[in-house]
Amino acid sequence: MALTLDPEDTRQRIHDLVWSGFHPDGDIEPMITDEYLDPDELTAEDRAWVRTEVARACADKRAAEAGWPAETEYDRLEGVFARLRSEKVIALHRAGNSLADGHDDVREQWRAAGRLASGIRGCCFYHSQDLDAAVRTGRLHLAFSGGMIPETDQREANTFMIGDRIVELLRAAGFGAQWSRNIDERIEADLGRWRKRSPPA
């Protein structure tokens, strides 16, 4: 029986999930069959194909990881994010599925930290669609804001400062970074490659 799913489209989604490095191997198959595809429309052949493709992609990534350096591009990016957090900037990986989701995640953390009393100066994040693009191209778009300070008349200037600081830290970590210095546009980080080790199987 022929497959009812789109093999190329599904194979690309499997690749993006596996190579993002955020999901244990055992989570990938149900993410495809229960979330990405319609489970009610899948045949036994579809499910067998997905199982085989997921196993192949996970094995390929584990083999590749064995040759990776101790510190990968993701580790260096997390170093940038850690530095931002130490400077009172919320920095989130894979924040939701869109810019709106990411801003919601930031607001949730800001509220939990105590809002204006927290001393948090701003935020930096990317969402899951940005992650998919980074897996494929090595380029990552970062959203940011400096509008979380109490001085309303200084929020635009603070946003410029945070954008410049993100660019400075990215370049210090060895990445290319481009920003138009328009606060309505995101920063593009050229990571070269996206390499994040997956959680233990």
C-alpha atoms as a PDB file:
ATOM      1  CA  MET A   1       0.000   0.000   0.000  1.00  0.00           C
ATOM      2  CA  ALA A   2       1.271   3.457  -0.877  1.00  0.00           C
ATOM      3  CA  LEU A   3       2.063   5.966   1.842  1.00  0.00           C
ATOM      4  CA  THR A   4      -0.644   8.518   2.569  1.00  0.00           C
ATOM      5  CA  LEU A   5       1.812  11.004   4.090  1.00  0.00           C
ATOM      6  CA  ASP A   6       4.144  13.283   2.136  1.00  0.00           C
ATOM      7  CA  PRO A   7       7.565  11.587   2.479  1.00  0.00           C
ATOM      8  CA  GLU A   8       9.735  14.617   1.662  1.00  0.00           C
ATOM      9  CA  ASP A   9       7.812  17.009   3.870  1.00  0.00           C
ATOM     10  CA  THR A  10       7.698  14.540   6.758  1.00  0.00           C
ATOM     11  CA  ARG A  11      11.363  13.627   6.373  1.00  0.00           C
ATOM     12  CA  GLN A  12      12.268  17.331   6.601  1.00  0.00           C
ATOM     13  CA  ARG A  13      10.205  17.719   9.775  1.00  0.00           C
ATOM     14  CA  ILE A  14      11.872  14.676  11.316  1.00  0.00           C
ATOM     15  CA  HIS A  15      15.265  16.122  10.417  1.00  0.00           C
ATOM     16  CA  ASP A  16      14.444  19.498  11.982  1.00  0.00           C
ATOM     17  CA  LEU A  17      13.209  17.938  15.234  1.00  0.00           C
ATOM     18  CA  VAL A  18      16.114  15.510  15.556  1.00  0.00           C
ATOM     19  CA  TRP A  19      18.862  17.945  14.641  1.00  0.00           C
ATOM     20  CA  SER A  20      17.496  20.758  16.787  1.00  0.00           C
ATOM     21  CA  GLY A  21      18.887  18.814  19.742  1.00  0.00           C
ATOM     22  CA  PHE A  22      16.060  19.711  22.111  1.00  0.00           C
ATOM     23  CA  HIS A  23      14.149  16.415  22.107  1.00  0.00           C
ATOM     24  CA  PRO A  24      15.053  12.928  23.390  1.00  0.00           C
ATOM     25  CA  ASP A  25      15.129  10.359  20.594  1.00  0.00           C
ATOM     26  CA  GLY A  26      12.091   8.583  22.006  1.00  0.00           C
ATOM     27  CA  ASP A  27       9.934  11.696  21.746  1.00  0.00           C
ATOM     28  CA  ILE A  28      10.410  12.269  18.022  1.00  0.00           C
ATOM     29  CA  GLU A  29       8.151   9.529  16.651  1.00  0.00           C
ATOM     30  CA  PRO A  30       5.048  10.541  18.677  1.00  0.00           C
ATOM     31  CA  MET A  31       5.721  14.204  17.887  1.00  0.00           C
ATOM     32  CA  ILE A  32       5.441  13.287  14.214  1.00  0.00           C
ATOM     33  CA  THR A  33       2.573  10.796  14.342  1.00  0.00           C
ATOM     34  CA  ASP A  34       0.440  12.484  17.014  1.00  0.00           C
ATOM     35  CA  GLU A  35       1.160  16.187  16.491  1.00  0.00           C
ATOM     36  CA  TYR A  36       2.656  16.959  13.085  1.00  0.00           C
ATOM     37  CA  LEU A  37       0.499  14.464  11.171  1.00  0.00           C
ATOM     38  CA  ASP A  38      -3.150  13.528  11.699  1.00  0.00           C
ATOM     39  CA  PRO A  39      -3.035  10.267  13.675  1.00  0.00           C
ATOM     40  CA  ASP A  40      -6.514   9.309  12.456  1.00  0.00           C
ATOM     41  CA  GLU A  41      -5.362   9.310   8.846  1.00  0.00           C
ATOM     42  CA  LEU A  42      -2.129   7.324   9.250  1.00  0.00           C
ATOM     43  CA  THR A  43      -1.936   3.778   7.982  1.00  0.00           C
ATOM     44  CA  ALA A  44       0.213   1.003   9.421  1.00  0.00           C
ATOM     45  CA  GLU A  45       2.597   1.580   6.500  1.00  0.00           C
ATOM     46  CA  ASP A  46       2.812   5.292   7.325  1.00  0.00           C
ATOM     47  CA  ARG A  47       3.668   4.551  10.942  1.00  0.00           C
ATOM     48  CA  ALA A  48       6.288   1.976   9.993  1.00  0.00           C
ATOM     49  CA  TRP A  49       7.872   4.454   7.578  1.00  0.00           C
ATOM     50  CA  VAL A  50       7.976   7.172  10.258  1.00  0.00           C
ATOM     51  CA  ARG A  51       9.533   4.752  12.755  1.00  0.00           C
ATOM     52  CA  THR A  52      12.270   3.806  10.281  1.00  0.00           C
ATOM     53  CA  GLU A  53      12.999   7.399   9.279  1.00  0.00           C
ATOM     54  CA  VAL A  54      13.156   8.592  12.887  1.00  0.00           C
ATOM     55  CA  ALA A  55      15.523   5.771  13.839  1.00  0.00           C
ATOM     56  CA  ARG A  56      17.765   6.587  10.858  1.00  0.00           C
ATOM     57  CA  ALA A  57      17.843  10.319  11.618  1.00  0.00           C
ATOM     58  CA  CYS A  58      18.588   9.753  15.309  1.00  0.00           C
ATOM     59  CA  ALA A  59      21.371   7.300  14.499  1.00  0.00           C
ATOM     60  CA  ASP A  60      22.908   9.711  11.992  1.00  0.00           C
ATOM     61  CA  LYS A  61      22.870  12.534  14.531  1.00  0.00           C
ATOM     62  CA  ARG A  62      24.359  10.433  17.327  1.00  0.00           C
ATOM     63  CA  ALA A  63      27.138   9.368  14.955  1.00  0.00           C
ATOM     64  CA  ALA A  64      27.781  12.994  13.982  1.00  0.00           C
ATOM     65  CA  GLU A  65      27.839  14.116  17.613  1.00  0.00           C
ATOM     66  CA  ALA A  66      30.753  11.752  18.297  1.00  0.00           C
ATOM     67  CA  GLY A  67      32.923  13.942  16.057  1.00  0.00           C
ATOM     68  CA  TRP A  68      31.773  17.297  17.369  1.00  0.00           C
ATOM     69  CA  PRO A  69      34.078  19.538  19.407  1.00  0.00           C
ATOM     70  CA  ALA A  70      33.556  19.689  23.161  1.00  0.00           C
ATOM     71  CA  GLU A  71      32.094  23.182  22.776  1.00  0.00           C
ATOM     72  CA  THR A  72      29.619  23.547  19.933  1.00  0.00           C
ATOM     73  CA  GLU A  73      27.995  26.579  18.376  1.00  0.00           C
ATOM     74  CA  TYR A  74      24.959  26.071  20.599  1.00  0.00           C
ATOM     75  CA  ASP A  75      27.172  26.003  23.692  1.00  0.00           C
ATOM     76  CA  ARG A  76      28.696  29.319  22.657  1.00  0.00           C
ATOM     77  CA  LEU A  77      25.237  30.754  22.011  1.00  0.00           C
ATOM     78  CA  GLU A  78      24.112  29.626  25.450  1.00  0.00           C
ATOM     79  CA  GLY A  79      27.196  31.378  26.816  1.00  0.00           C
ATOM     80  CA  VAL A  80      25.922  34.594  25.213  1.00  0.00           C
ATOM     81  CA  PHE A  81      22.482  34.006  26.716  1.00  0.00           C
ATOM     82  CA  ALA A  82      23.965  33.271  30.133  1.00  0.00           C
ATOM     83  CA  ARG A  83      25.876  36.552  30.014  1.00  0.00           C
ATOM     84  CA  LEU A  84      22.694  38.405  29.083  1.00  0.00           C
ATOM     85  CA  ARG A  85      20.857  36.800  32.000  1.00  0.00           C
ATOM     86  CA  SER A  86      23.637  37.918  34.335  1.00  0.00           C
ATOM     87  CA  GLU A  87      23.013  41.444  33.046  1.00  0.00           C
ATOM     88  CA  LYS A  88      19.288  41.301  33.875  1.00  0.00           C
ATOM     89  CA  VAL A  89      18.095  40.426  30.371  1.00  0.00           C
ATOM     90  CA  ILE A  90      15.680  37.524  29.972  1.00  0.00           C
ATOM     91  CA  ALA A  91      17.193  35.235  27.312  1.00  0.00           C
ATOM     92  CA  LEU A  92      15.137  32.296  26.079  1.00  0.00           C
ATOM     93  CA  HIS A  93      15.804  29.455  23.675  1.00  0.00           C
ATOM     94  CA  ARG A  94      12.924  28.117  21.542  1.00  0.00           C
ATOM     95  CA  ALA A  95      10.318  30.466  23.033  1.00  0.00           C
ATOM     96  CA  GLY A  96       7.020  29.316  21.532  1.00  0.00           C
ATOM     97  CA  ASN A  97       6.174  29.008  17.866  1.00  0.00           C
ATOM     98  CA  SER A  98       6.000  32.686  16.897  1.00  0.00           C
ATOM     99  CA  LEU A  99       7.059  36.173  17.944  1.00  0.00           C
ATOM    100  CA  ALA A 100       3.784  36.580  19.841  1.00  0.00           C
ATOM    101  CA  ASP A 101       4.393  33.306  21.702  1.00  0.00           C
ATOM    102  CA  GLY A 102       7.931  34.379  22.527  1.00  0.00           C
ATOM    103  CA  HIS A 103       6.796  37.687  23.969  1.00  0.00           C
ATOM    104  CA  ASP A 104       4.190  35.814  26.024  1.00  0.00           C
ATOM    105  CA  ASP A 105       6.919  33.543  27.430  1.00  0.00           C
ATOM    106  CA  VAL A 106       9.042  36.588  28.274  1.00  0.00           C
ATOM    107  CA  ARG A 107       6.138  38.316  30.032  1.00  0.00           C
ATOM    108  CA  GLU A 108       5.479  35.175  32.045  1.00  0.00           C
ATOM    109  CA  GLN A 109       9.080  35.082  33.268  1.00  0.00           C
ATOM    110  CA  TRP A 110       9.032  38.821  33.946  1.00  0.00           C
ATOM    111  CA  ARG A 111       5.868  38.550  36.044  1.00  0.00           C
ATOM    112  CA  ALA A 112       7.281  35.580  37.959  1.00  0.00           C
ATOM    113  CA  ALA A 113      10.472  37.548  38.677  1.00  0.00           C
ATOM    114  CA  GLY A 114       8.546  40.461  40.171  1.00  0.00           C
ATOM    115  CA  ARG A 115       7.904  42.724  37.178  1.00  0.00           C
ATOM    116  CA  LEU A 116       9.550  46.164  37.485  1.00  0.00           C
ATOM    117  CA  ALA A 117      10.873  45.332  40.963  1.00  0.00           C
ATOM    118  CA  SER A 118      12.969  42.532  39.433  1.00  0.00           C
ATOM    119  CA  GLY A 119      15.445  44.944  37.858  1.00  0.00           C
ATOM    120  CA  ILE A 120      15.093  43.107  34.533  1.00  0.00           C
ATOM    121  CA  ARG A 121      16.139  45.447  31.717  1.00  0.00           C
ATOM    122  CA  GLY A 122      14.904  43.598  28.641  1.00  0.00           C
ATOM    123  CA  CYS A 123      14.740  40.343  26.726  1.00  0.00           C
ATOM    124  CA  CYS A 124      16.228  38.308  23.883  1.00  0.00           C
ATOM    125  CA  PHE A 125      14.744  35.155  22.355  1.00  0.00           C
ATOM    126  CA  TYR A 126      14.139  33.058  19.269  1.00  0.00           C
ATOM    127  CA  HIS A 127      11.147  30.805  18.562  1.00  0.00           C
ATOM    128  CA  SER A 128      10.760  27.331  17.109  1.00  0.00           C
ATOM    129  CA  GLN A 129      10.380  28.511  13.513  1.00  0.00           C
ATOM    130  CA  ASP A 130      13.641  30.443  13.901  1.00  0.00           C
ATOM    131  CA  LEU A 131      15.185  27.244  15.234  1.00  0.00           C
ATOM    132  CA  ASP A 132      14.055  25.268  12.180  1.00  0.00           C
ATOM    133  CA  ALA A 133      15.701  27.871   9.947  1.00  0.00           C
ATOM    134  CA  ALA A 134      18.904  27.750  11.991  1.00  0.00           C
ATOM    135  CA  VAL A 135      19.039  23.949  11.728  1.00  0.00           C
ATOM    136  CA  ARG A 136      18.825  24.250   7.952  1.00  0.00           C
ATOM    137  CA  THR A 137      20.968  27.340   7.339  1.00  0.00           C
ATOM    138  CA  GLY A 138      23.104  28.055  10.404  1.00  0.00           C
ATOM    139  CA  ARG A 139      21.514  31.510  10.675  1.00  0.00           C
ATOM    140  CA  LEU A 140      19.371  32.502  13.638  1.00  0.00           C
ATOM    141  CA  HIS A 141      17.116  35.531  14.049  1.00  0.00           C
ATOM    142  CA  LEU A 142      16.913  36.991  17.544  1.00  0.00           C
ATOM    143  CA  ALA A 143      14.093  39.164  18.846  1.00  0.00           C
ATOM    144  CA  PHE A 144      14.839  41.611  21.640  1.00  0.00           C
ATOM    145  CA  SER A 145      13.420  44.504  23.622  1.00  0.00           C
ATOM    146  CA  GLY A 146      14.487  46.955  26.277  1.00  0.00           C
ATOM    147  CA  GLY A 147      11.004  48.084  27.208  1.00  0.00           C
ATOM    148  CA  MET A 148      10.833  46.477  30.637  1.00  0.00           C
ATOM    149  CA  ILE A 149      12.408  49.282  32.632  1.00  0.00           C
ATOM    150  CA  PRO A 150      10.269  51.671  34.723  1.00  0.00           C
ATOM    151  CA  GLU A 151      11.542  54.826  32.992  1.00  0.00           C
ATOM    152  CA  THR A 152       9.126  55.000  30.082  1.00  0.00           C
ATOM    153  CA  ASP A 153      11.023  57.819  28.379  1.00  0.00           C
ATOM    154  CA  GLN A 154      14.198  55.704  28.297  1.00  0.00           C
ATOM    155  CA  ARG A 155      12.761  52.484  26.904  1.00  0.00           C
ATOM    156  CA  GLU A 156      13.636  53.130  23.267  1.00  0.00           C
ATOM    157  CA  ALA A 157      17.209  54.097  24.162  1.00  0.00           C
ATOM    158  CA  ASN A 158      17.450  51.026  26.372  1.00  0.00           C
ATOM    159  CA  THR A 159      16.275  48.841  23.489  1.00  0.00           C
ATOM    160  CA  PHE A 160      19.085  50.228  21.318  1.00  0.00           C
ATOM    161  CA  MET A 161      21.561  49.480  24.128  1.00  0.00           C
ATOM    162  CA  ILE A 162      20.368  45.906  24.473  1.00  0.00           C
ATOM    163  CA  GLY A 163      20.470  45.338  20.708  1.00  0.00           C
ATOM    164  CA  ASP A 164      24.029  46.647  20.561  1.00  0.00           C
ATOM    165  CA  ARG A 165      25.005  44.504  23.544  1.00  0.00           C
ATOM    166  CA  ILE A 166      23.613  41.354  21.948  1.00  0.00           C
ATOM    167  CA  VAL A 167      25.558  42.052  18.756  1.00  0.00           C
ATOM    168  CA  GLU A 168      28.712  42.724  20.800  1.00  0.00           C
ATOM    169  CA  LEU A 169      28.384  39.455  22.727  1.00  0.00           C
ATOM    170  CA  LEU A 170      27.640  37.420  19.602  1.00  0.00           C
ATOM    171  CA  ARG A 171      30.742  38.757  17.878  1.00  0.00           C
ATOM    172  CA  ALA A 172      32.850  38.171  20.984  1.00  0.00           C
ATOM    173  CA  ALA A 173      31.654  34.544  20.887  1.00  0.00           C
ATOM    174  CA  GLY A 174      32.941  34.223  17.326  1.00  0.00           C
ATOM    175  CA  PHE A 175      29.668  34.611  15.460  1.00  0.00           C
ATOM    176  CA  GLY A 176      28.774  36.956  12.686  1.00  0.00           C
ATOM    177  CA  ALA A 177      26.007  39.349  13.679  1.00  0.00           C
ATOM    178  CA  GLN A 178      24.049  41.802  11.572  1.00  0.00           C
ATOM    179  CA  TRP A 179      21.559  44.377  12.756  1.00  0.00           C
ATOM    180  CA  SER A 180      20.194  47.412  10.945  1.00  0.00           C
ATOM    181  CA  ARG A 181      19.901  49.288  14.277  1.00  0.00           C
ATOM    182  CA  ASN A 182      16.196  49.573  13.610  1.00  0.00           C
ATOM    183  CA  ILE A 183      14.569  48.462  16.861  1.00  0.00           C
ATOM    184  CA  ASP A 184      11.649  47.002  14.914  1.00  0.00           C
ATOM    185  CA  GLU A 185      13.984  44.575  13.119  1.00  0.00           C
ATOM    186  CA  ARG A 186      15.643  41.496  14.535  1.00  0.00           C
ATOM    187  CA  ILE A 187      19.305  40.627  14.848  1.00  0.00           C
ATOM    188  CA  GLU A 188      20.653  37.930  12.538  1.00  0.00           C
ATOM    189  CA  ALA A 189      23.334  35.719  14.038  1.00  0.00           C
ATOM    190  CA  ASP A 190      25.486  33.687  11.646  1.00  0.00           C
ATOM    191  CA  LEU A 191      26.314  30.607  13.704  1.00  0.00           C
ATOM    192  CA  GLY A 192      27.867  28.763  10.788  1.00  0.00           C
ATOM    193  CA  ARG A 193      26.195  25.510  11.825  1.00  0.00           C
ATOM    194  CA  TRP A 194      23.555  24.524  14.348  1.00  0.00           C
ATOM    195  CA  ARG A 195      25.056  21.839  16.573  1.00  0.00           C
ATOM    196  CA  LYS A 196      23.302  21.040  19.842  1.00  0.00           C
ATOM    197  CA  ARG A 197      23.727  17.675  21.479  1.00  0.00           C
ATOM    198  CA  SER A 198      20.465  15.827  22.048  1.00  0.00           C
ATOM    199  CA  PRO A 199      19.368  14.787  25.546  1.00  0.00           C
ATOM    200  CA  PRO A 200      20.232  11.216  26.561  1.00  0.00           C
ATOM    201  CA  ALA A 201      18.165   8.650  24.669  1.00  0.00           C
END
